[in-house]
């Protein structure tokens, strides 16, 4: 039984090394198109959908990396829904995401102490 922090860390390291497979550098997995009759480039998002989604944002959540609070996005949704829909449609048709959409703020939340 692991008692000290060091022993606990070693137990975790042994476990994760046993279940994790390290891929060689530069090796990317090949993904098959599971539904070739419906590729992403055929998905079209319109202004009304974006506006509705922005209207459903939770105002009690914190802002993201763009530093735009959900309440502000909700209030200006009529003005930004059309350009956002255009950007999303271009992204889907080209298969590329804007770099800013790949960023996130991640915060670990302590739940409770777990015994090992």
PDB file of N, CA and C in Angstrom:
ATOM      1  N   UNK A   1       0.847  -1.170   0.000  1.00  0.00           N
ATOM      2  CA  UNK A   1       0.000   0.000   0.000  1.00  0.00           C
ATOM      3  C   UNK A   1       0.895   1.237   0.000  1.00  0.00           C
ATOM      4  N   UNK A   2       0.595   2.174  -0.879  1.00  0.00           N
ATOM      5  CA  UNK A   2       1.369   3.408  -0.979  1.00  0.00           C
ATOM      6  C   UNK A   2       0.946   4.362   0.130  1.00  0.00           C
ATOM      7  N   UNK A   3       1.927   4.866   0.856  1.00  0.00           N
ATOM      8  CA  UNK A   3       1.641   5.751   1.984  1.00  0.00           C
ATOM      9  C   UNK A   3       2.127   7.166   1.702  1.00  0.00           C
ATOM     10  N   UNK A   4       3.386   7.294   1.307  1.00  0.00           N
ATOM     11  CA  UNK A   4       3.944   8.629   1.076  1.00  0.00           C
ATOM     12  C   UNK A   4       3.526   9.138  -0.303  1.00  0.00           C
ATOM     13  N   UNK A   5       3.669  10.443  -0.487  1.00  0.00           N
ATOM     14  CA  UNK A   5       3.347  11.031  -1.789  1.00  0.00           C
ATOM     15  C   UNK A   5       4.211  10.432  -2.893  1.00  0.00           C
ATOM     16  N   UNK A   6       5.470  10.175  -2.593  1.00  0.00           N
ATOM     17  CA  UNK A   6       6.382   9.594  -3.580  1.00  0.00           C
ATOM     18  C   UNK A   6       5.920   8.191  -3.983  1.00  0.00           C
ATOM     19  N   UNK A   7       5.529   7.382  -3.014  1.00  0.00           N
ATOM     20  CA  UNK A   7       5.043   6.026  -3.310  1.00  0.00           C
ATOM     21  C   UNK A   7       3.767   6.080  -4.143  1.00  0.00           C
ATOM     22  N   UNK A   8       2.891   6.998  -3.808  1.00  0.00           N
ATOM     23  CA  UNK A   8       1.651   7.153  -4.582  1.00  0.00           C
ATOM     24  C   UNK A   8       1.961   7.554  -6.021  1.00  0.00           C
ATOM     25  N   UNK A   9       2.914   8.480  -6.187  1.00  0.00           N
ATOM     26  CA  UNK A   9       3.306   8.917  -7.528  1.00  0.00           C
ATOM     27  C   UNK A   9       3.891   7.757  -8.324  1.00  0.00           C
ATOM     28  N   UNK A  10       4.691   6.914  -7.671  1.00  0.00           N
ATOM     29  CA  UNK A  10       5.280   5.761  -8.348  1.00  0.00           C
ATOM     30  C   UNK A  10       4.210   4.756  -8.764  1.00  0.00           C
ATOM     31  N   UNK A  11       3.219   4.525  -7.915  1.00  0.00           N
ATOM     32  CA  UNK A  11       2.116   3.614  -8.254  1.00  0.00           C
ATOM     33  C   UNK A  11       1.373   4.142  -9.480  1.00  0.00           C
ATOM     34  N   UNK A  12       1.084   5.441  -9.491  1.00  0.00           N
ATOM     35  CA  UNK A  12       0.401   6.041 -10.642  1.00  0.00           C
ATOM     36  C   UNK A  12       1.255   5.942 -11.903  1.00  0.00           C
ATOM     37  N   UNK A  13       2.551   6.209 -11.786  1.00  0.00           N
ATOM     38  CA  UNK A  13       3.449   6.140 -12.939  1.00  0.00           C
ATOM     39  C   UNK A  13       3.484   4.734 -13.524  1.00  0.00           C
ATOM     40  N   UNK A  14       3.548   3.734 -12.663  1.00  0.00           N
ATOM     41  CA  UNK A  14       3.559   2.341 -13.128  1.00  0.00           C
ATOM     42  C   UNK A  14       2.248   2.004 -13.826  1.00  0.00           C
ATOM     43  N   UNK A  15       1.138   2.427 -13.230  1.00  0.00           N
ATOM     44  CA  UNK A  15      -0.157   2.136 -13.841  1.00  0.00           C
ATOM     45  C   UNK A  15      -0.280   2.794 -15.211  1.00  0.00           C
ATOM     46  N   UNK A  16      -0.001   4.106 -15.292  1.00  0.00           N
ATOM     47  CA  UNK A  16      -0.176   4.812 -16.559  1.00  0.00           C
ATOM     48  C   UNK A  16       0.789   4.321 -17.627  1.00  0.00           C
ATOM     49  N   UNK A  17       1.997   3.939 -17.244  1.00  0.00           N
ATOM     50  CA  UNK A  17       2.928   3.417 -18.243  1.00  0.00           C
ATOM     51  C   UNK A  17       2.471   2.053 -18.751  1.00  0.00           C
ATOM     52  N   UNK A  18       1.690   1.329 -17.957  1.00  0.00           N
ATOM     53  CA  UNK A  18       1.207   0.020 -18.400  1.00  0.00           C
ATOM     54  C   UNK A  18       0.024   0.128 -19.359  1.00  0.00           C
ATOM     55  N   UNK A  19      -0.722   1.218 -19.304  1.00  0.00           N
ATOM     56  CA  UNK A  19      -1.906   1.345 -20.165  1.00  0.00           C
ATOM     57  C   UNK A  19      -1.714   2.347 -21.297  1.00  0.00           C
ATOM     58  N   UNK A  20      -0.610   3.085 -21.292  1.00  0.00           N
ATOM     59  CA  UNK A  20      -0.367   4.104 -22.301  1.00  0.00           C
ATOM     60  C   UNK A  20       0.593   3.571 -23.346  1.00  0.00           C
ATOM     61  N   UNK A  21       0.275   3.773 -24.606  1.00  0.00           N
ATOM     62  CA  UNK A  21       1.150   3.356 -25.686  1.00  0.00           C
ATOM     63  C   UNK A  21       1.751   4.596 -26.323  1.00  0.00           C
ATOM     64  N   UNK A  22       3.046   4.700 -26.318  1.00  0.00           N
ATOM     65  CA  UNK A  22       3.702   5.857 -26.907  1.00  0.00           C
ATOM     66  C   UNK A  22       3.919   5.598 -28.389  1.00  0.00           C
ATOM     67  N   UNK A  23       3.375   6.493 -29.216  1.00  0.00           N
ATOM     68  CA  UNK A  23       3.529   6.382 -30.664  1.00  0.00           C
ATOM     69  C   UNK A  23       4.878   6.976 -31.068  1.00  0.00           C
ATOM     70  N   UNK A  24       5.481   6.452 -32.137  1.00  0.00           N
ATOM     71  CA  UNK A  24       6.735   7.048 -32.603  1.00  0.00           C
ATOM     72  C   UNK A  24       6.493   8.487 -33.076  1.00  0.00           C
ATOM     73  N   UNK A  25       7.494   9.363 -32.933  1.00  0.00           N
ATOM     74  CA  UNK A  25       7.310  10.756 -33.348  1.00  0.00           C
ATOM     75  C   UNK A  25       6.930  10.853 -34.817  1.00  0.00           C
ATOM     76  N   UNK A  26       5.998  11.729 -35.111  1.00  0.00           N
ATOM     77  CA  UNK A  26       5.582  11.948 -36.493  1.00  0.00           C
ATOM     78  C   UNK A  26       4.544  10.972 -36.999  1.00  0.00           C
ATOM     79  N   UNK A  27       4.235   9.937 -36.243  1.00  0.00           N
ATOM     80  CA  UNK A  27       3.247   8.960 -36.691  1.00  0.00           C
ATOM     81  C   UNK A  27       1.851   9.447 -36.329  1.00  0.00           C
ATOM     82  N   UNK A  28       1.029   9.648 -37.315  1.00  0.00           N
ATOM     83  CA  UNK A  28      -0.346  10.065 -37.084  1.00  0.00           C
ATOM     84  C   UNK A  28      -1.286   8.931 -37.467  1.00  0.00           C
ATOM     85  N   UNK A  29      -2.295   8.695 -36.678  1.00  0.00           N
ATOM     86  CA  UNK A  29      -3.233   7.626 -37.025  1.00  0.00           C
ATOM     87  C   UNK A  29      -4.055   7.997 -38.257  1.00  0.00           C
ATOM     88  N   UNK A  30      -4.382   7.007 -39.036  1.00  0.00           N
ATOM     89  CA  UNK A  30      -5.242   7.209 -40.199  1.00  0.00           C
ATOM     90  C   UNK A  30      -6.689   6.998 -39.770  1.00  0.00           C
ATOM     91  N   UNK A  31      -7.546   7.935 -40.128  1.00  0.00           N
ATOM     92  CA  UNK A  31      -8.959   7.820 -39.807  1.00  0.00           C
ATOM     93  C   UNK A  31      -9.743   7.606 -41.088  1.00  0.00           C
ATOM     94  N   UNK A  32     -10.590   6.630 -41.056  1.00  0.00           N
ATOM     95  CA  UNK A  32     -11.415   6.391 -42.229  1.00  0.00           C
ATOM     96  C   UNK A  32     -12.662   7.258 -42.160  1.00  0.00           C
ATOM     97  N   UNK A  33     -13.183   7.625 -43.319  1.00  0.00           N
ATOM     98  CA  UNK A  33     -14.420   8.388 -43.377  1.00  0.00           C
ATOM     99  C   UNK A  33     -15.552   7.388 -43.185  1.00  0.00           C
ATOM    100  N   UNK A  34     -16.166   7.410 -42.021  1.00  0.00           N
ATOM    101  CA  UNK A  34     -17.173   6.401 -41.692  1.00  0.00           C
ATOM    102  C   UNK A  34     -18.483   6.592 -42.451  1.00  0.00           C
ATOM    103  N   UNK A  35     -18.718   7.783 -42.935  1.00  0.00           N
ATOM    104  CA  UNK A  35     -19.937   8.036 -43.688  1.00  0.00           C
ATOM    105  C   UNK A  35     -19.593   8.879 -44.909  1.00  0.00           C
ATOM    106  N   UNK A  36     -19.065   8.262 -45.956  1.00  0.00           N
ATOM    107  CA  UNK A  36     -18.608   9.026 -47.113  1.00  0.00           C
ATOM    108  C   UNK A  36     -19.719   9.793 -47.825  1.00  0.00           C
ATOM    109  N   UNK A  37     -20.974   9.427 -47.596  1.00  0.00           N
ATOM    110  CA  UNK A  37     -22.062  10.134 -48.270  1.00  0.00           C
ATOM    111  C   UNK A  37     -22.403  11.450 -47.585  1.00  0.00           C
ATOM    112  N   UNK A  38     -21.793  11.748 -46.424  1.00  0.00           N
ATOM    113  CA  UNK A  38     -22.112  12.979 -45.709  1.00  0.00           C
ATOM    114  C   UNK A  38     -20.853  13.613 -45.122  1.00  0.00           C
ATOM    115  N   UNK A  39     -19.960  14.128 -45.962  1.00  0.00           N
ATOM    116  CA  UNK A  39     -18.749  14.764 -45.440  1.00  0.00           C
ATOM    117  C   UNK A  39     -19.063  16.128 -44.821  1.00  0.00           C
ATOM    118  N   UNK A  40     -18.139  16.633 -44.014  1.00  0.00           N
ATOM    119  CA  UNK A  40     -18.345  17.900 -43.322  1.00  0.00           C
ATOM    120  C   UNK A  40     -18.576  19.066 -44.270  1.00  0.00           C
ATOM    121  N   UNK A  41     -17.985  19.022 -45.451  1.00  0.00           N
ATOM    122  CA  UNK A  41     -18.124  20.163 -46.346  1.00  0.00           C
ATOM    123  C   UNK A  41     -19.573  20.383 -46.776  1.00  0.00           C
ATOM    124  N   UNK A  42     -20.419  19.398 -46.573  1.00  0.00           N
ATOM    125  CA  UNK A  42     -21.827  19.555 -46.929  1.00  0.00           C
ATOM    126  C   UNK A  42     -22.671  20.060 -45.768  1.00  0.00           C
ATOM    127  N   UNK A  43     -22.081  20.211 -44.585  1.00  0.00           N
ATOM    128  CA  UNK A  43     -22.807  20.759 -43.443  1.00  0.00           C
ATOM    129  C   UNK A  43     -22.835  22.268 -43.593  1.00  0.00           C
ATOM    130  N   UNK A  44     -24.008  22.842 -43.502  1.00  0.00           N
ATOM    131  CA  UNK A  44     -24.143  24.291 -43.609  1.00  0.00           C
ATOM    132  C   UNK A  44     -24.814  24.801 -42.347  1.00  0.00           C
ATOM    133  N   UNK A  45     -24.212  25.799 -41.753  1.00  0.00           N
ATOM    134  CA  UNK A  45     -24.747  26.409 -40.540  1.00  0.00           C
ATOM    135  C   UNK A  45     -25.252  27.796 -40.908  1.00  0.00           C
ATOM    136  N   UNK A  46     -26.465  28.134 -40.507  1.00  0.00           N
ATOM    137  CA  UNK A  46     -26.976  29.454 -40.862  1.00  0.00           C
ATOM    138  C   UNK A  46     -26.990  30.397 -39.666  1.00  0.00           C
ATOM    139  N   UNK A  47     -27.256  31.651 -39.952  1.00  0.00           N
ATOM    140  CA  UNK A  47     -27.242  32.703 -38.941  1.00  0.00           C
ATOM    141  C   UNK A  47     -28.219  32.408 -37.811  1.00  0.00           C
ATOM    142  N   UNK A  48     -29.387  31.877 -38.129  1.00  0.00           N
ATOM    143  CA  UNK A  48     -30.396  31.603 -37.100  1.00  0.00           C
ATOM    144  C   UNK A  48     -29.921  30.561 -36.090  1.00  0.00           C
ATOM    145  N   UNK A  49     -29.221  29.542 -36.572  1.00  0.00           N
ATOM    146  CA  UNK A  49     -28.708  28.501 -35.676  1.00  0.00           C
ATOM    147  C   UNK A  49     -27.667  29.091 -34.729  1.00  0.00           C
ATOM    148  N   UNK A  50     -26.737  29.877 -35.281  1.00  0.00           N
ATOM    149  CA  UNK A  50     -25.692  30.490 -34.456  1.00  0.00           C
ATOM    150  C   UNK A  50     -26.317  31.435 -33.440  1.00  0.00           C
ATOM    151  N   UNK A  51     -27.282  32.222 -33.884  1.00  0.00           N
ATOM    152  CA  UNK A  51     -27.951  33.168 -32.983  1.00  0.00           C
ATOM    153  C   UNK A  51     -28.652  32.434 -31.838  1.00  0.00           C
ATOM    154  N   UNK A  52     -29.303  31.330 -32.155  1.00  0.00           N
ATOM    155  CA  UNK A  52     -29.988  30.547 -31.125  1.00  0.00           C
ATOM    156  C   UNK A  52     -28.985  29.957 -30.130  1.00  0.00           C
ATOM    157  N   UNK A  53     -27.871  29.423 -30.640  1.00  0.00           N
ATOM    158  CA  UNK A  53     -26.846  28.852 -29.762  1.00  0.00           C
ATOM    159  C   UNK A  53     -26.234  29.916 -28.856  1.00  0.00           C
ATOM    160  N   UNK A  54     -25.972  31.095 -29.404  1.00  0.00           N
ATOM    161  CA  UNK A  54     -25.437  32.187 -28.585  1.00  0.00           C
ATOM    162  C   UNK A  54     -26.456  32.620 -27.533  1.00  0.00           C
ATOM    163  N   UNK A  55     -27.734  32.566 -27.884  1.00  0.00           N
ATOM    164  CA  UNK A  55     -28.785  32.925 -26.935  1.00  0.00           C
ATOM    165  C   UNK A  55     -28.907  31.936 -25.789  1.00  0.00           C
ATOM    166  N   UNK A  56     -28.426  30.720 -26.001  1.00  0.00           N
ATOM    167  CA  UNK A  56     -28.501  29.684 -24.965  1.00  0.00           C
ATOM    168  C   UNK A  56     -27.252  29.615 -24.087  1.00  0.00           C
ATOM    169  N   UNK A  57     -26.290  30.529 -24.292  1.00  0.00           N
ATOM    170  CA  UNK A  57     -25.078  30.516 -23.471  1.00  0.00           C
ATOM    171  C   UNK A  57     -25.418  30.755 -22.008  1.00  0.00           C
ATOM    172  N   UNK A  58     -24.698  30.083 -21.136  1.00  0.00           N
ATOM    173  CA  UNK A  58     -24.896  30.231 -19.698  1.00  0.00           C
ATOM    174  C   UNK A  58     -24.126  31.460 -19.214  1.00  0.00           C
ATOM    175  N   UNK A  59     -24.846  32.467 -18.761  1.00  0.00           N
ATOM    176  CA  UNK A  59     -24.227  33.720 -18.323  1.00  0.00           C
ATOM    177  C   UNK A  59     -23.436  33.559 -17.030  1.00  0.00           C
ATOM    178  N   UNK A  60     -23.605  32.450 -16.334  1.00  0.00           N
ATOM    179  CA  UNK A  60     -22.888  32.217 -15.081  1.00  0.00           C
ATOM    180  C   UNK A  60     -21.515  31.579 -15.297  1.00  0.00           C
ATOM    181  N   UNK A  61     -21.201  31.229 -16.533  1.00  0.00           N
ATOM    182  CA  UNK A  61     -19.895  30.643 -16.838  1.00  0.00           C
ATOM    183  C   UNK A  61     -18.869  31.754 -17.037  1.00  0.00           C
ATOM    184  N   UNK A  62     -17.599  31.407 -16.905  1.00  0.00           N
ATOM    185  CA  UNK A  62     -16.544  32.407 -17.067  1.00  0.00           C
ATOM    186  C   UNK A  62     -16.198  32.587 -18.540  1.00  0.00           C
ATOM    187  N   UNK A  63     -15.463  33.650 -18.806  1.00  0.00           N
ATOM    188  CA  UNK A  63     -15.044  33.944 -20.172  1.00  0.00           C
ATOM    189  C   UNK A  63     -13.979  32.963 -20.625  1.00  0.00           C
ATOM    190  N   UNK A  64     -13.828  32.827 -21.926  1.00  0.00           N
ATOM    191  CA  UNK A  64     -12.816  31.945 -22.486  1.00  0.00           C
ATOM    192  C   UNK A  64     -11.537  32.701 -22.776  1.00  0.00           C
ATOM    193  N   UNK A  65     -10.629  32.095 -23.557  1.00  0.00           N
ATOM    194  CA  UNK A  65      -9.357  32.745 -23.885  1.00  0.00           C
ATOM    195  C   UNK A  65      -9.541  34.047 -24.664  1.00  0.00           C
ATOM    196  N   UNK A  66     -10.674  34.190 -25.342  1.00  0.00           N
ATOM    197  CA  UNK A  66     -10.936  35.421 -26.096  1.00  0.00           C
ATOM    198  C   UNK A  66     -11.345  36.580 -25.189  1.00  0.00           C
ATOM    199  N   UNK A  67     -11.546  36.287 -23.906  1.00  0.00           N
ATOM    200  CA  UNK A  67     -11.908  37.252 -22.873  1.00  0.00           C
ATOM    201  C   UNK A  67     -13.275  37.898 -23.129  1.00  0.00           C
ATOM    202  N   UNK A  68     -14.123  37.194 -23.868  1.00  0.00           N
ATOM    203  CA  UNK A  68     -15.493  37.663 -24.107  1.00  0.00           C
ATOM    204  C   UNK A  68     -16.418  36.901 -23.161  1.00  0.00           C
ATOM    205  N   UNK A  69     -17.060  37.618 -22.274  1.00  0.00           N
ATOM    206  CA  UNK A  69     -17.954  36.989 -21.306  1.00  0.00           C
ATOM    207  C   UNK A  69     -19.209  36.497 -22.030  1.00  0.00           C
ATOM    208  N   UNK A  70     -19.748  35.336 -21.638  1.00  0.00           N
ATOM    209  CA  UNK A  70     -20.954  34.813 -22.282  1.00  0.00           C
ATOM    210  C   UNK A  70     -22.118  35.807 -22.295  1.00  0.00           C
ATOM    211  N   UNK A  71     -22.232  36.635 -21.270  1.00  0.00           N
ATOM    212  CA  UNK A  71     -23.323  37.615 -21.229  1.00  0.00           C
ATOM    213  C   UNK A  71     -23.188  38.617 -22.374  1.00  0.00           C
ATOM    214  N   UNK A  72     -21.960  39.047 -22.658  1.00  0.00           N
ATOM    215  CA  UNK A  72     -21.740  39.988 -23.761  1.00  0.00           C
ATOM    216  C   UNK A  72     -22.052  39.316 -25.089  1.00  0.00           C
ATOM    217  N   UNK A  73     -21.561  38.084 -25.273  1.00  0.00           N
ATOM    218  CA  UNK A  73     -21.836  37.353 -26.513  1.00  0.00           C
ATOM    219  C   UNK A  73     -23.340  37.182 -26.716  1.00  0.00           C
ATOM    220  N   UNK A  74     -24.038  36.927 -25.631  1.00  0.00           N
ATOM    221  CA  UNK A  74     -25.487  36.747 -25.695  1.00  0.00           C
ATOM    222  C   UNK A  74     -26.170  38.047 -26.120  1.00  0.00           C
ATOM    223  N   UNK A  75     -25.693  39.170 -25.573  1.00  0.00           N
ATOM    224  CA  UNK A  75     -26.313  40.460 -25.876  1.00  0.00           C
ATOM    225  C   UNK A  75     -26.038  40.932 -27.300  1.00  0.00           C
ATOM    226  N   UNK A  76     -24.880  40.587 -27.867  1.00  0.00           N
ATOM    227  CA  UNK A  76     -24.552  41.056 -29.219  1.00  0.00           C
ATOM    228  C   UNK A  76     -24.762  39.975 -30.280  1.00  0.00           C
ATOM    229  N   UNK A  77     -25.474  38.927 -29.923  1.00  0.00           N
ATOM    230  CA  UNK A  77     -25.650  37.794 -30.840  1.00  0.00           C
ATOM    231  C   UNK A  77     -26.274  38.189 -32.172  1.00  0.00           C
ATOM    232  N   UNK A  78     -27.156  39.187 -32.184  1.00  0.00           N
ATOM    233  CA  UNK A  78     -27.780  39.611 -33.443  1.00  0.00           C
ATOM    234  C   UNK A  78     -26.740  40.165 -34.412  1.00  0.00           C
ATOM    235  N   UNK A  79     -25.698  40.805 -33.882  1.00  0.00           N
ATOM    236  CA  UNK A  79     -24.684  41.430 -34.724  1.00  0.00           C
ATOM    237  C   UNK A  79     -23.585  40.468 -35.157  1.00  0.00           C
ATOM    238  N   UNK A  80     -23.305  39.456 -34.350  1.00  0.00           N
ATOM    239  CA  UNK A  80     -22.165  38.580 -34.661  1.00  0.00           C
ATOM    240  C   UNK A  80     -22.557  37.221 -35.226  1.00  0.00           C
ATOM    241  N   UNK A  81     -23.835  36.895 -35.219  1.00  0.00           N
ATOM    242  CA  UNK A  81     -24.242  35.553 -35.663  1.00  0.00           C
ATOM    243  C   UNK A  81     -23.974  35.320 -37.148  1.00  0.00           C
ATOM    244  N   UNK A  82     -24.165  36.330 -37.984  1.00  0.00           N
ATOM    245  CA  UNK A  82     -23.924  36.156 -39.418  1.00  0.00           C
ATOM    246  C   UNK A  82     -22.440  35.950 -39.724  1.00  0.00           C
ATOM    247  N   UNK A  83     -21.526  36.828 -39.218  1.00  0.00           N
ATOM    248  CA  UNK A  83     -20.106  36.573 -39.489  1.00  0.00           C
ATOM    249  C   UNK A  83     -19.605  35.256 -38.890  1.00  0.00           C
ATOM    250  N   UNK A  84     -20.106  34.894 -37.703  1.00  0.00           N
ATOM    251  CA  UNK A  84     -19.692  33.620 -37.107  1.00  0.00           C
ATOM    252  C   UNK A  84     -20.160  32.438 -37.948  1.00  0.00           C
ATOM    253  N   UNK A  85     -21.368  32.517 -38.480  1.00  0.00           N
ATOM    254  CA  UNK A  85     -21.874  31.449 -39.350  1.00  0.00           C
ATOM    255  C   UNK A  85     -21.011  31.339 -40.605  1.00  0.00           C
ATOM    256  N   UNK A  86     -20.598  32.489 -41.170  1.00  0.00           N
ATOM    257  CA  UNK A  86     -19.731  32.478 -42.355  1.00  0.00           C
ATOM    258  C   UNK A  86     -18.389  31.818 -42.048  1.00  0.00           C
ATOM    259  N   UNK A  87     -17.797  32.181 -40.898  1.00  0.00           N
ATOM    260  CA  UNK A  87     -16.505  31.601 -40.508  1.00  0.00           C
ATOM    261  C   UNK A  87     -16.649  30.097 -40.278  1.00  0.00           C
ATOM    262  N   UNK A  88     -17.723  29.693 -39.602  1.00  0.00           N
ATOM    263  CA  UNK A  88     -17.949  28.271 -39.335  1.00  0.00           C
ATOM    264  C   UNK A  88     -18.137  27.492 -40.634  1.00  0.00           C
ATOM    265  N   UNK A  89     -18.925  28.031 -41.564  1.00  0.00           N
ATOM    266  CA  UNK A  89     -19.143  27.350 -42.842  1.00  0.00           C
ATOM    267  C   UNK A  89     -17.849  27.227 -43.643  1.00  0.00           C
ATOM    268  N   UNK A  90     -17.038  28.289 -43.648  1.00  0.00           N
ATOM    269  CA  UNK A  90     -15.752  28.222 -44.348  1.00  0.00           C
ATOM    270  C   UNK A  90     -14.857  27.177 -43.690  1.00  0.00           C
ATOM    271  N   UNK A  91     -14.853  27.155 -42.372  1.00  0.00           N
ATOM    272  CA  UNK A  91     -14.049  26.188 -41.632  1.00  0.00           C
ATOM    273  C   UNK A  91     -14.463  24.757 -41.967  1.00  0.00           C
ATOM    274  N   UNK A  92     -15.764  24.503 -41.981  1.00  0.00           N
ATOM    275  CA  UNK A  92     -16.258  23.156 -42.290  1.00  0.00           C
ATOM    276  C   UNK A  92     -15.938  22.758 -43.726  1.00  0.00           C
ATOM    277  N   UNK A  93     -16.071  23.696 -44.667  1.00  0.00           N
ATOM    278  CA  UNK A  93     -15.832  23.357 -46.071  1.00  0.00           C
ATOM    279  C   UNK A  93     -14.355  23.122 -46.361  1.00  0.00           C
ATOM    280  N   UNK A  94     -13.467  23.837 -45.630  1.00  0.00           N
ATOM    281  CA  UNK A  94     -12.029  23.681 -45.854  1.00  0.00           C
ATOM    282  C   UNK A  94     -11.398  22.642 -44.935  1.00  0.00           C
ATOM    283  N   UNK A  95     -12.124  22.235 -43.897  1.00  0.00           N
ATOM    284  CA  UNK A  95     -11.581  21.273 -42.945  1.00  0.00           C
ATOM    285  C   UNK A  95     -10.522  21.864 -42.035  1.00  0.00           C
ATOM    286  N   UNK A  96     -10.597  23.180 -41.796  1.00  0.00           N
ATOM    287  CA  UNK A  96      -9.625  23.866 -40.937  1.00  0.00           C
ATOM    288  C   UNK A  96     -10.365  24.692 -39.900  1.00  0.00           C
ATOM    289  N   UNK A  97      -9.812  24.726 -38.683  1.00  0.00           N
ATOM    290  CA  UNK A  97     -10.365  25.568 -37.625  1.00  0.00           C
ATOM    291  C   UNK A  97      -9.458  26.764 -37.403  1.00  0.00           C
ATOM    292  N   UNK A  98     -10.035  27.942 -37.146  1.00  0.00           N
ATOM    293  CA  UNK A  98      -9.186  29.074 -36.758  1.00  0.00           C
ATOM    294  C   UNK A  98      -8.429  28.718 -35.480  1.00  0.00           C
ATOM    295  N   UNK A  99      -7.179  29.142 -35.385  1.00  0.00           N
ATOM    296  CA  UNK A  99      -6.344  28.809 -34.227  1.00  0.00           C
ATOM    297  C   UNK A  99      -7.018  29.212 -32.923  1.00  0.00           C
ATOM    298  N   UNK A 100      -7.681  30.371 -32.912  1.00  0.00           N
ATOM    299  CA  UNK A 100      -8.325  30.856 -31.682  1.00  0.00           C
ATOM    300  C   UNK A 100      -9.405  29.893 -31.197  1.00  0.00           C
ATOM    301  N   UNK A 101     -10.015  29.129 -32.094  1.00  0.00           N
ATOM    302  CA  UNK A 101     -11.066  28.195 -31.703  1.00  0.00           C
ATOM    303  C   UNK A 101     -10.484  26.930 -31.077  1.00  0.00           C
ATOM    304  N   UNK A 102      -9.182  26.758 -31.170  1.00  0.00           N
ATOM    305  CA  UNK A 102      -8.529  25.578 -30.601  1.00  0.00           C
ATOM    306  C   UNK A 102      -8.007  25.833 -29.193  1.00  0.00           C
ATOM    307  N   UNK A 103      -8.145  27.060 -28.722  1.00  0.00           N
ATOM    308  CA  UNK A 103      -7.623  27.426 -27.413  1.00  0.00           C
ATOM    309  C   UNK A 103      -8.705  27.291 -26.355  1.00  0.00           C
ATOM    310  N   UNK A 104      -8.284  26.985 -25.135  1.00  0.00           N
ATOM    311  CA  UNK A 104      -9.236  26.835 -24.032  1.00  0.00           C
ATOM    312  C   UNK A 104      -8.552  27.144 -22.711  1.00  0.00           C
ATOM    313  N   UNK A 105      -9.338  27.571 -21.757  1.00  0.00           N
ATOM    314  CA  UNK A 105      -8.859  27.717 -20.384  1.00  0.00           C
ATOM    315  C   UNK A 105      -9.299  26.475 -19.631  1.00  0.00           C
ATOM    316  N   UNK A 106      -8.353  25.773 -19.033  1.00  0.00           N
ATOM    317  CA  UNK A 106      -8.674  24.552 -18.303  1.00  0.00           C
ATOM    318  C   UNK A 106      -8.273  24.743 -16.848  1.00  0.00           C
ATOM    319  N   UNK A 107      -9.206  24.490 -15.968  1.00  0.00           N
ATOM    320  CA  UNK A 107      -8.951  24.628 -14.540  1.00  0.00           C
ATOM    321  C   UNK A 107      -9.308  23.322 -13.848  1.00  0.00           C
ATOM    322  N   UNK A 108      -8.351  22.778 -13.121  1.00  0.00           N
ATOM    323  CA  UNK A 108      -8.614  21.560 -12.354  1.00  0.00           C
ATOM    324  C   UNK A 108      -9.454  21.925 -11.133  1.00  0.00           C
ATOM    325  N   UNK A 109     -10.482  21.146 -10.885  1.00  0.00           N
ATOM    326  CA  UNK A 109     -11.358  21.389  -9.744  1.00  0.00           C
ATOM    327  C   UNK A 109     -11.225  20.218  -8.779  1.00  0.00           C
ATOM    328  N   UNK A 110     -10.824  20.526  -7.560  1.00  0.00           N
ATOM    329  CA  UNK A 110     -10.653  19.503  -6.537  1.00  0.00           C
ATOM    330  C   UNK A 110     -12.021  18.961  -6.138  1.00  0.00           C
ATOM    331  N   UNK A 111     -12.205  17.663  -6.239  1.00  0.00           N
ATOM    332  CA  UNK A 111     -13.479  17.035  -5.875  1.00  0.00           C
ATOM    333  C   UNK A 111     -13.429  16.489  -4.451  1.00  0.00           C
ATOM    334  N   UNK A 112     -12.566  15.529  -4.226  1.00  0.00           N
ATOM    335  CA  UNK A 112     -12.383  14.979  -2.885  1.00  0.00           C
ATOM    336  C   UNK A 112     -11.106  14.157  -2.884  1.00  0.00           C
ATOM    337  N   UNK A 113     -10.606  13.902  -1.720  1.00  0.00           N
ATOM    338  CA  UNK A 113      -9.379  13.123  -1.595  1.00  0.00           C
ATOM    339  C   UNK A 113      -9.666  11.662  -1.933  1.00  0.00           C
ATOM    340  N   UNK A 114      -8.817  11.075  -2.761  1.00  0.00           N
ATOM    341  CA  UNK A 114      -8.975   9.679  -3.156  1.00  0.00           C
ATOM    342  C   UNK A 114      -7.852   8.864  -2.521  1.00  0.00           C
ATOM    343  N   UNK A 115      -8.198   7.775  -1.864  1.00  0.00           N
ATOM    344  CA  UNK A 115      -7.206   6.884  -1.261  1.00  0.00           C
ATOM    345  C   UNK A 115      -6.698   5.911  -2.312  1.00  0.00           C
ATOM    346  N   UNK A 116      -5.397   5.716  -2.339  1.00  0.00           N
ATOM    347  CA  UNK A 116      -4.803   4.749  -3.279  1.00  0.00           C
ATOM    348  C   UNK A 116      -4.455   3.490  -2.526  1.00  0.00           C
TER     349      UNK A 116
END
